[in-house]
Structure formats: structure tokens, C-alpha cells
PDB file of all heavy atoms in Angstrom:
ATOM      1  N   THR A   1       0.825  -1.210   0.000  1.00  0.00           N
ATOM      2  CA  THR A   1       0.000   0.000   0.000  1.00  0.00           C
ATOM      3  C   THR A   1       0.860   1.262   0.000  1.00  0.00           C
ATOM      4  O   THR A   1       0.641   2.171  -0.811  1.00  0.00           O
ATOM      5  CB  THR A   1      -0.935   0.004   1.221  1.00  0.00           C
ATOM      6  OG1 THR A   1      -1.760  -1.159   1.186  1.00  0.00           O
ATOM      7  CG2 THR A   1      -1.814   1.240   1.217  1.00  0.00           C
ATOM      8  N   LEU A   2       1.845   1.325   0.902  1.00  0.00           N
ATOM      9  CA  LEU A   2       2.679   2.516   0.960  1.00  0.00           C
ATOM     10  C   LEU A   2       3.551   2.654  -0.284  1.00  0.00           C
ATOM     11  O   LEU A   2       3.743   3.761  -0.798  1.00  0.00           O
ATOM     12  CB  LEU A   2       3.550   2.485   2.214  1.00  0.00           C
ATOM     13  CG  LEU A   2       2.815   2.795   3.521  1.00  0.00           C
ATOM     14  CD1 LEU A   2       3.745   2.680   4.714  1.00  0.00           C
ATOM     15  CD2 LEU A   2       2.201   4.186   3.482  1.00  0.00           C
ATOM     16  N   ALA A   3       4.072   1.532  -0.779  1.00  0.00           N
ATOM     17  CA  ALA A   3       4.866   1.603  -2.005  1.00  0.00           C
ATOM     18  C   ALA A   3       4.004   2.051  -3.178  1.00  0.00           C
ATOM     19  O   ALA A   3       4.447   2.829  -4.038  1.00  0.00           O
ATOM     20  CB  ALA A   3       5.501   0.237  -2.300  1.00  0.00           C
ATOM     21  N   TYR A   4       2.756   1.603  -3.224  1.00  0.00           N
ATOM     22  CA  TYR A   4       1.854   1.972  -4.311  1.00  0.00           C
ATOM     23  C   TYR A   4       1.473   3.453  -4.246  1.00  0.00           C
ATOM     24  O   TYR A   4       1.389   4.134  -5.275  1.00  0.00           O
ATOM     25  CB  TYR A   4       0.604   1.096  -4.260  1.00  0.00           C
ATOM     26  CG  TYR A   4      -0.317   1.258  -5.444  1.00  0.00           C
ATOM     27  CD1 TYR A   4       0.025   0.713  -6.675  1.00  0.00           C
ATOM     28  CD2 TYR A   4      -1.511   1.954  -5.336  1.00  0.00           C
ATOM     29  CE1 TYR A   4      -0.810   0.858  -7.776  1.00  0.00           C
ATOM     30  CE2 TYR A   4      -2.354   2.092  -6.421  1.00  0.00           C
ATOM     31  CZ  TYR A   4      -1.998   1.554  -7.644  1.00  0.00           C
ATOM     32  OH  TYR A   4      -2.825   1.705  -8.735  1.00  0.00           O
ATOM     33  N   LEU A   5       1.253   3.949  -3.018  1.00  0.00           N
ATOM     34  CA  LEU A   5       0.886   5.357  -2.852  1.00  0.00           C
ATOM     35  C   LEU A   5       1.982   6.305  -3.335  1.00  0.00           C
ATOM     36  O   LEU A   5       1.702   7.413  -3.786  1.00  0.00           O
ATOM     37  CB  LEU A   5       0.567   5.644  -1.386  1.00  0.00           C
ATOM     38  CG  LEU A   5      -0.718   5.027  -0.821  1.00  0.00           C
ATOM     39  CD1 LEU A   5      -0.856   5.319   0.658  1.00  0.00           C
ATOM     40  CD2 LEU A   5      -1.945   5.527  -1.570  1.00  0.00           C
ATOM     41  N   PHE A   6       3.237   5.849  -3.234  1.00  0.00           N
ATOM     42  CA  PHE A   6       4.364   6.703  -3.617  1.00  0.00           C
ATOM     43  C   PHE A   6       5.062   6.201  -4.875  1.00  0.00           C
ATOM     44  O   PHE A   6       6.220   6.534  -5.130  1.00  0.00           O
ATOM     45  CB  PHE A   6       5.366   6.785  -2.468  1.00  0.00           C
ATOM     46  CG  PHE A   6       4.861   7.530  -1.273  1.00  0.00           C
ATOM     47  CD1 PHE A   6       4.210   6.862  -0.246  1.00  0.00           C
ATOM     48  CD2 PHE A   6       5.004   8.904  -1.179  1.00  0.00           C
ATOM     49  CE1 PHE A   6       3.731   7.541   0.852  1.00  0.00           C
ATOM     50  CE2 PHE A   6       4.526   9.597  -0.084  1.00  0.00           C
ATOM     51  CZ  PHE A   6       3.879   8.917   0.938  1.00  0.00           C
ATOM     52  N   SER A   7       4.364   5.399  -5.660  1.00  0.00           N
ATOM     53  CA  SER A   7       4.998   4.802  -6.844  1.00  0.00           C
ATOM     54  C   SER A   7       4.847   5.645  -8.104  1.00  0.00           C
ATOM     55  O   SER A   7       5.322   5.245  -9.169  1.00  0.00           O
ATOM     56  CB  SER A   7       4.418   3.401  -7.103  1.00  0.00           C
ATOM     57  OG  SER A   7       3.036   3.469  -7.388  1.00  0.00           O
ATOM     58  N   ASP A   8       4.180   6.802  -8.024  1.00  0.00           N
ATOM     59  CA  ASP A   8       4.045   7.658  -9.201  1.00  0.00           C
ATOM     60  C   ASP A   8       5.294   8.539  -9.340  1.00  0.00           C
ATOM     61  O   ASP A   8       5.228   9.768  -9.299  1.00  0.00           O
ATOM     62  CB  ASP A   8       2.776   8.502  -9.128  1.00  0.00           C
ATOM     63  CG  ASP A   8       2.706   9.320  -7.845  1.00  0.00           C
ATOM     64  OD1 ASP A   8       3.446   9.008  -6.890  1.00  0.00           O
ATOM     65  OD2 ASP A   8       1.920  10.281  -7.807  1.00  0.00           O
ATOM     66  N   THR A   9       6.420   7.902  -9.491  1.00  0.00           N
ATOM     67  CA  THR A   9       7.698   8.591  -9.541  1.00  0.00           C
ATOM     68  C   THR A   9       8.186   8.722 -10.985  1.00  0.00           C
ATOM     69  O   THR A   9       7.617   8.138 -11.918  1.00  0.00           O
ATOM     70  CB  THR A   9       8.747   7.819  -8.729  1.00  0.00           C
ATOM     71  OG1 THR A   9       8.871   6.488  -9.262  1.00  0.00           O
ATOM     72  CG2 THR A   9       8.332   7.716  -7.279  1.00  0.00           C
ATOM     73  N   LYS A  10       9.271   9.451 -11.155  1.00  0.00           N
ATOM     74  CA  LYS A  10       9.868   9.603 -12.465  1.00  0.00           C
ATOM     75  C   LYS A  10      10.548   8.313 -12.897  1.00  0.00           C
ATOM     76  O   LYS A  10      10.823   7.429 -12.094  1.00  0.00           O
ATOM     77  CB  LYS A  10      10.872  10.753 -12.452  1.00  0.00           C
ATOM     78  CG  LYS A  10      10.251  12.119 -12.190  1.00  0.00           C
ATOM     79  CD  LYS A  10      11.301  13.205 -12.226  1.00  0.00           C
ATOM     80  CE  LYS A  10      10.672  14.578 -11.986  1.00  0.00           C
ATOM     81  NZ  LYS A  10      11.691  15.667 -12.027  1.00  0.00           N
ATOM     82  N   LYS A  11      10.851   8.251 -14.196  1.00  0.00           N
ATOM     83  CA  LYS A  11      11.454   7.036 -14.747  1.00  0.00           C
ATOM     84  C   LYS A  11      12.750   6.675 -14.035  1.00  0.00           C
ATOM     85  O   LYS A  11      12.993   5.510 -13.723  1.00  0.00           O
ATOM     86  CB  LYS A  11      11.731   7.203 -16.246  1.00  0.00           C
ATOM     87  CG  LYS A  11      10.520   7.155 -17.127  1.00  0.00           C
ATOM     88  CD  LYS A  11      10.900   6.826 -18.562  1.00  0.00           C
ATOM     89  CE  LYS A  11      11.993   7.753 -19.091  1.00  0.00           C
ATOM     90  NZ  LYS A  11      12.339   7.423 -20.491  1.00  0.00           N
ATOM     91  N   ARG A  12      13.586   7.658 -13.789  1.00  0.00           N
ATOM     92  CA  ARG A  12      14.888   7.385 -13.201  1.00  0.00           C
ATOM     93  C   ARG A  12      14.757   6.813 -11.794  1.00  0.00           C
ATOM     94  O   ARG A  12      15.486   5.889 -11.425  1.00  0.00           O
ATOM     95  CB  ARG A  12      15.738   8.651 -13.190  1.00  0.00           C
ATOM     96  CG  ARG A  12      17.180   8.428 -12.745  1.00  0.00           C
ATOM     97  CD  ARG A  12      18.008   9.672 -12.945  1.00  0.00           C
ATOM     98  NE  ARG A  12      18.090  10.032 -14.345  1.00  0.00           N
ATOM     99  CZ  ARG A  12      18.954   9.490 -15.206  1.00  0.00           C
ATOM    100  NH1 ARG A  12      19.797   8.559 -14.787  1.00  0.00           N
ATOM    101  NH2 ARG A  12      18.969   9.879 -16.456  1.00  0.00           N
ATOM    102  N   VAL A  13      13.828   7.360 -11.014  1.00  0.00           N
ATOM    103  CA  VAL A  13      13.616   6.852  -9.662  1.00  0.00           C
ATOM    104  C   VAL A  13      13.097   5.421  -9.708  1.00  0.00           C
ATOM    105  O   VAL A  13      13.532   4.552  -8.942  1.00  0.00           O
ATOM    106  CB  VAL A  13      12.639   7.755  -8.894  1.00  0.00           C
ATOM    107  CG1 VAL A  13      12.342   7.186  -7.511  1.00  0.00           C
ATOM    108  CG2 VAL A  13      13.218   9.163  -8.765  1.00  0.00           C
ATOM    109  N   THR A  14      12.156   5.171 -10.617  1.00  0.00           N
ATOM    110  CA  THR A  14      11.623   3.820 -10.765  1.00  0.00           C
ATOM    111  C   THR A  14      12.713   2.833 -11.176  1.00  0.00           C
ATOM    112  O   THR A  14      12.780   1.714 -10.664  1.00  0.00           O
ATOM    113  CB  THR A  14      10.494   3.809 -11.814  1.00  0.00           C
ATOM    114  OG1 THR A  14       9.470   4.725 -11.418  1.00  0.00           O
ATOM    115  CG2 THR A  14       9.887   2.420 -11.955  1.00  0.00           C
ATOM    116  N   GLN A  15      13.577   3.255 -12.085  1.00  0.00           N
ATOM    117  CA  GLN A  15      14.676   2.396 -12.521  1.00  0.00           C
ATOM    118  C   GLN A  15      15.628   2.092 -11.374  1.00  0.00           C
ATOM    119  O   GLN A  15      16.007   0.933 -11.167  1.00  0.00           O
ATOM    120  CB  GLN A  15      15.448   3.072 -13.669  1.00  0.00           C
ATOM    121  CG  GLN A  15      14.713   3.073 -14.998  1.00  0.00           C
ATOM    122  CD  GLN A  15      15.529   3.783 -16.066  1.00  0.00           C
ATOM    123  OE1 GLN A  15      15.470   5.004 -16.223  1.00  0.00           O
ATOM    124  NE2 GLN A  15      16.302   3.016 -16.803  1.00  0.00           N
ATOM    125  N   LEU A  16      16.010   3.131 -10.629  1.00  0.00           N
ATOM    126  CA  LEU A  16      16.935   2.931  -9.508  1.00  0.00           C
ATOM    127  C   LEU A  16      16.318   2.029  -8.445  1.00  0.00           C
ATOM    128  O   LEU A  16      17.000   1.178  -7.859  1.00  0.00           O
ATOM    129  CB  LEU A  16      17.322   4.279  -8.905  1.00  0.00           C
ATOM    130  CG  LEU A  16      18.192   5.185  -9.788  1.00  0.00           C
ATOM    131  CD1 LEU A  16      18.403   6.545  -9.118  1.00  0.00           C
ATOM    132  CD2 LEU A  16      19.546   4.529 -10.069  1.00  0.00           C
ATOM    133  N   PHE A  17      15.032   2.222  -8.188  1.00  0.00           N
ATOM    134  CA  PHE A  17      14.318   1.400  -7.217  1.00  0.00           C
ATOM    135  C   PHE A  17      14.345  -0.070  -7.645  1.00  0.00           C
ATOM    136  O   PHE A  17      14.679  -0.956  -6.857  1.00  0.00           O
ATOM    137  CB  PHE A  17      12.882   1.902  -7.094  1.00  0.00           C
ATOM    138  CG  PHE A  17      12.087   1.243  -6.007  1.00  0.00           C
ATOM    139  CD1 PHE A  17      12.086   1.740  -4.726  1.00  0.00           C
ATOM    140  CD2 PHE A  17      11.314   0.114  -6.281  1.00  0.00           C
ATOM    141  CE1 PHE A  17      11.347   1.134  -3.722  1.00  0.00           C
ATOM    142  CE2 PHE A  17      10.574  -0.504  -5.290  1.00  0.00           C
ATOM    143  CZ  PHE A  17      10.588   0.014  -4.006  1.00  0.00           C
ATOM    144  N   SER A  18      14.014  -0.330  -8.903  1.00  0.00           N
ATOM    145  CA  SER A  18      13.972  -1.705  -9.406  1.00  0.00           C
ATOM    146  C   SER A  18      15.362  -2.314  -9.487  1.00  0.00           C
ATOM    147  O   SER A  18      15.548  -3.499  -9.159  1.00  0.00           O
ATOM    148  CB  SER A  18      13.307  -1.733 -10.786  1.00  0.00           C
ATOM    149  OG  SER A  18      11.970  -1.280 -10.710  1.00  0.00           O
ATOM    150  N   ILE A  19      16.340  -1.525  -9.902  1.00  0.00           N
ATOM    151  CA  ILE A  19      17.707  -2.037  -9.948  1.00  0.00           C
ATOM    152  C   ILE A  19      18.198  -2.395  -8.550  1.00  0.00           C
ATOM    153  O   ILE A  19      18.861  -3.418  -8.339  1.00  0.00           O
ATOM    154  CB  ILE A  19      18.642  -1.008 -10.609  1.00  0.00           C
ATOM    155  CG1 ILE A  19      18.319  -0.887 -12.104  1.00  0.00           C
ATOM    156  CG2 ILE A  19      20.109  -1.400 -10.426  1.00  0.00           C
ATOM    157  CD1 ILE A  19      19.089   0.221 -12.807  1.00  0.00           C
ATOM    158  N   GLY A  20      17.848  -1.552  -7.569  1.00  0.00           N
ATOM    159  CA  GLY A  20      18.239  -1.833  -6.189  1.00  0.00           C
ATOM    160  C   GLY A  20      17.671  -3.144  -5.695  1.00  0.00           C
ATOM    161  O   GLY A  20      18.396  -3.973  -5.117  1.00  0.00           O
ATOM    162  N   PHE A  21      16.386  -3.369  -5.923  1.00  0.00           N
ATOM    163  CA  PHE A  21      15.772  -4.634  -5.511  1.00  0.00           C
ATOM    164  C   PHE A  21      16.329  -5.799  -6.318  1.00  0.00           C
ATOM    165  O   PHE A  21      16.463  -6.914  -5.806  1.00  0.00           O
ATOM    166  CB  PHE A  21      14.251  -4.554  -5.655  1.00  0.00           C
ATOM    167  CG  PHE A  21      13.566  -3.995  -4.447  1.00  0.00           C
ATOM    168  CD1 PHE A  21      13.427  -2.619  -4.289  1.00  0.00           C
ATOM    169  CD2 PHE A  21      13.077  -4.822  -3.458  1.00  0.00           C
ATOM    170  CE1 PHE A  21      12.814  -2.093  -3.170  1.00  0.00           C
ATOM    171  CE2 PHE A  21      12.452  -4.307  -2.335  1.00  0.00           C
ATOM    172  CZ  PHE A  21      12.319  -2.927  -2.187  1.00  0.00           C
ATOM    173  N   GLY A  22      16.664  -5.541  -7.582  1.00  0.00           N
ATOM    174  CA  GLY A  22      17.258  -6.585  -8.405  1.00  0.00           C
ATOM    175  C   GLY A  22      18.624  -6.997  -7.900  1.00  0.00           C
ATOM    176  O   GLY A  22      18.946  -8.198  -7.850  1.00  0.00           O
ATOM    177  N   VAL A  23      19.428  -6.022  -7.503  1.00  0.00           N
ATOM    178  CA  VAL A  23      20.767  -6.327  -6.983  1.00  0.00           C
ATOM    179  C   VAL A  23      20.678  -7.112  -5.677  1.00  0.00           C
ATOM    180  O   VAL A  23      21.411  -8.091  -5.470  1.00  0.00           O
ATOM    181  CB  VAL A  23      21.567  -5.020  -6.786  1.00  0.00           C
ATOM    182  CG1 VAL A  23      22.859  -5.299  -6.016  1.00  0.00           C
ATOM    183  CG2 VAL A  23      21.886  -4.381  -8.132  1.00  0.00           C
ATOM    184  N   VAL A  24      19.775  -6.694  -4.785  1.00  0.00           N
ATOM    185  CA  VAL A  24      19.597  -7.415  -3.520  1.00  0.00           C
ATOM    186  C   VAL A  24      19.145  -8.851  -3.774  1.00  0.00           C
ATOM    187  O   VAL A  24      19.664  -9.803  -3.173  1.00  0.00           O
ATOM    188  CB  VAL A  24      18.582  -6.689  -2.615  1.00  0.00           C
ATOM    189  CG1 VAL A  24      18.252  -7.536  -1.387  1.00  0.00           C
ATOM    190  CG2 VAL A  24      19.133  -5.340  -2.181  1.00  0.00           C
ATOM    191  N   SER A  25      18.196  -9.033  -4.691  1.00  0.00           N
ATOM    192  CA  SER A  25      17.700 -10.373  -5.010  1.00  0.00           C
ATOM    193  C   SER A  25      18.794 -11.223  -5.651  1.00  0.00           C
ATOM    194  O   SER A  25      18.930 -12.420  -5.341  1.00  0.00           O
ATOM    195  CB  SER A  25      16.494 -10.278  -5.945  1.00  0.00           C
ATOM    196  OG  SER A  25      15.445  -9.532  -5.359  1.00  0.00           O
ATOM    197  N   LEU A  26      19.579 -10.617  -6.531  1.00  0.00           N
ATOM    198  CA  LEU A  26      20.692 -11.339  -7.169  1.00  0.00           C
ATOM    199  C   LEU A  26      21.712 -11.781  -6.136  1.00  0.00           C
ATOM    200  O   LEU A  26      22.190 -12.924  -6.161  1.00  0.00           O
ATOM    201  CB  LEU A  26      21.348 -10.440  -8.215  1.00  0.00           C
ATOM    202  CG  LEU A  26      22.569 -11.025  -8.946  1.00  0.00           C
ATOM    203  CD1 LEU A  26      22.171 -12.267  -9.735  1.00  0.00           C
ATOM    204  CD2 LEU A  26      23.185  -9.963  -9.850  1.00  0.00           C
ATOM    205  N   PHE A  27      22.034 -10.895  -5.222  1.00  0.00           N
ATOM    206  CA  PHE A  27      22.990 -11.233  -4.161  1.00  0.00           C
ATOM    207  C   PHE A  27      22.467 -12.390  -3.312  1.00  0.00           C
ATOM    208  O   PHE A  27      23.216 -13.331  -2.994  1.00  0.00           O
ATOM    209  CB  PHE A  27      23.251 -10.015  -3.284  1.00  0.00           C
ATOM    210  CG  PHE A  27      24.051 -10.305  -2.050  1.00  0.00           C
ATOM    211  CD1 PHE A  27      25.431 -10.475  -2.128  1.00  0.00           C
ATOM    212  CD2 PHE A  27      23.429 -10.432  -0.813  1.00  0.00           C
ATOM    213  CE1 PHE A  27      26.173 -10.754  -0.986  1.00  0.00           C
ATOM    214  CE2 PHE A  27      24.159 -10.709   0.327  1.00  0.00           C
ATOM    215  CZ  PHE A  27      25.531 -10.869   0.240  1.00  0.00           C
ATOM    216  N   LEU A  28      21.180 -12.330  -2.928  1.00  0.00           N
ATOM    217  CA  LEU A  28      20.609 -13.388  -2.097  1.00  0.00           C
ATOM    218  C   LEU A  28      20.579 -14.720  -2.843  1.00  0.00           C
ATOM    219  O   LEU A  28      20.805 -15.786  -2.247  1.00  0.00           O
ATOM    220  CB  LEU A  28      19.203 -13.001  -1.649  1.00  0.00           C
ATOM    221  CG  LEU A  28      19.108 -11.844  -0.648  1.00  0.00           C
ATOM    222  CD1 LEU A  28      17.649 -11.474  -0.403  1.00  0.00           C
ATOM    223  CD2 LEU A  28      19.780 -12.210   0.665  1.00  0.00           C
ATOM    224  N   GLY A  29      20.296 -14.678  -4.149  1.00  0.00           N
ATOM    225  CA  GLY A  29      20.293 -15.904  -4.929  1.00  0.00           C
ATOM    226  C   GLY A  29      21.672 -16.541  -5.005  1.00  0.00           C
ATOM    227  O   GLY A  29      21.828 -17.758  -4.779  1.00  0.00           O
ATOM    228  N   LEU A  30      22.679 -15.744  -5.317  1.00  0.00           N
ATOM    229  CA  LEU A  30      24.051 -16.257  -5.389  1.00  0.00           C
ATOM    230  C   LEU A  30      24.560 -16.669  -4.010  1.00  0.00           C
ATOM    231  O   LEU A  30      25.264 -17.669  -3.862  1.00  0.00           O
ATOM    232  CB  LEU A  30      24.968 -15.205  -6.002  1.00  0.00           C
ATOM    233  CG  LEU A  30      24.660 -14.826  -7.464  1.00  0.00           C
ATOM    234  CD1 LEU A  30      25.586 -13.709  -7.925  1.00  0.00           C
ATOM    235  CD2 LEU A  30      24.792 -16.050  -8.374  1.00  0.00           C
ATOM    236  N   TYR A  31      24.210 -15.896  -3.008  1.00  0.00           N
ATOM    237  CA  TYR A  31      24.595 -16.183  -1.628  1.00  0.00           C
ATOM    238  C   TYR A  31      24.030 -17.533  -1.198  1.00  0.00           C
ATOM    239  O   TYR A  31      24.722 -18.348  -0.570  1.00  0.00           O
ATOM    240  CB  TYR A  31      24.059 -15.061  -0.735  1.00  0.00           C
ATOM    241  CG  TYR A  31      24.498 -15.095   0.697  1.00  0.00           C
ATOM    242  CD1 TYR A  31      25.801 -14.783   1.052  1.00  0.00           C
ATOM    243  CD2 TYR A  31      23.591 -15.395   1.713  1.00  0.00           C
ATOM    244  CE1 TYR A  31      26.203 -14.785   2.377  1.00  0.00           C
ATOM    245  CE2 TYR A  31      23.972 -15.395   3.039  1.00  0.00           C
ATOM    246  CZ  TYR A  31      25.285 -15.090   3.373  1.00  0.00           C
ATOM    247  OH  TYR A  31      25.674 -15.098   4.686  1.00  0.00           O
TER     248      TYR A  31
END
């Protein structure tokens, strides 16, 4: 809910957000 309420962000913010979660997920998978 909170992520959705504040998800109307610019492209760059959305990209950085997704890349950040992608990096964390990649690290956990390899770990």
C-alpha cells in the first residue's frame, strides 16, 4: 500500500528502485 501510494515517480527513480531490488535479489540468490 505505501509503495503503491508513492509509486508515481519519475522514470529514473523507478529504474533505480527496481535495480536496487534486483541487486539485492541477485545477491541473495548467489549467496
